[in-house]
Amino acid sequence: MYAKLETRTFLAMLLGVSLAFILLMKPFFGPIFWAVAIALIFHPVQQLLVRRLGDRPTLNALITLFVCMVIVVIPVLVLGAALIAEGMGIYQKIQAGEIRPGEYIDQVNQSFPAIQAFLAQFDINFADLRDRAVNAFLGGSQFLAKQALGIGQNTFQFFLGLALMVYLAFFLIRDGQKLIELMIRALPLGDERERLLFAKFAEVTRATVKGNLLIAIIQGALGGMIFWILGITGALLWGVVMAIVSLLPAVGAAIVWVPAAIYLAAVGDIVPAIILTAYGVVVIGLADNLLRPVLVGRDTKMPDYLVLLSTLGGIVMFGINGFVMGPLVAALFMAFWGIFIREFGQYHYADPANPENGPARED
């Protein structure tokens, strides 16, 4: 009796300490999460170095981290700085009245009066829609301005998070396998189940990060390039916006280039409008339709509709981290239910015509 009390007390304290530790780490969720993602994505590089240089964990981890910095971290920082600078420039032009989004929408309405008639069929007031679009545009530009100001004011916090991510990534690359083995020993789920779940976690994280980011980079680069060629203001900014919205399956960069093509047609730039439309459908659209099933859906082994729903839900719940967290939660959900069905779902009625005979297990 006393032994049971001791065990229960220990487990209760273990749970309490674990929850306290999770709360302690909560402010650093972003850096920790991306450090784990980096370790998983660049694990093949580390394994290649092990085969070439031998079992030298620290050296291999340092080289792997250097490759990550050159390929990912530094380019993202440079692009982010350029994006914020361009966003600030557009915001200042809006404040100075050089860019007037309301007038652009009015030009589209005047050139295509059928749009207002079409909206009226669904009881949608064009004036209200116009005001909402203008407010959304202004809100987006103000958001970029605030982010730029926030980064300037919280430079120390930003670089602290970046340094923490890189620091953790080094140890996870070097000691990740040992940590996984330790967690397998600690978790009371059974080694086979735990290895399956860890494999699914790694598989989905790699697929969503590599696949989605690669698709986003390709679509953003293609979209920004055509905007620059056509002389559209803020090509870099719109390219990054297209990269961000392309993280959403079945939605993608069309949110940006379709309104741009409509506006070009409205102001009489018919040839650029046709070029942008054809380019968006054939080049940008095909890049998404061909690459996403190959890079994301195939590796995660999830249907496209589930990838879409889980990505949207993840972004709502976790912010930008949600484009990985959403599909990851969905994949683990499917993995847990797959284990349950395989291990506990083999019961059936011996005689389907007489279910009262009771369940029997298939051996």
Foldseek 3Di string as FASTA:
>chain_A
DVVVVVVVVVVVVVVVVVVVVCVVCVVLVVLVVVLLLLLLQLLVQLVVCCVVVNPDLLVSLVVSLVVCCVPPVVVVVVLLVVLLVQLQVVLVCVVVVVDDQLVLLVLLCVLCVVVCVVCVVVVDHVVVVSVVVRVVVNVVSVVSPVVVVVCVVPVVVVVVSVVSSSVSSSCCNRCVVVVLVVVLVVDPPDNVLSVVLVVLLSLLSNLLVVQLQVLLLQLLVLQLVLCVVVVPRPSSNLSNVQSLQQLAPPGGSCVPLVVVLSSCVSVPVPVSSVVSVVCCVPPSVCSSVVRCCVRRCVRSVDDPVQLNVQQVVQCVVPNSVSSRVSSSVVSSVVSVVVVCCVPPVQWDAPDVVCCVVDIDGDD
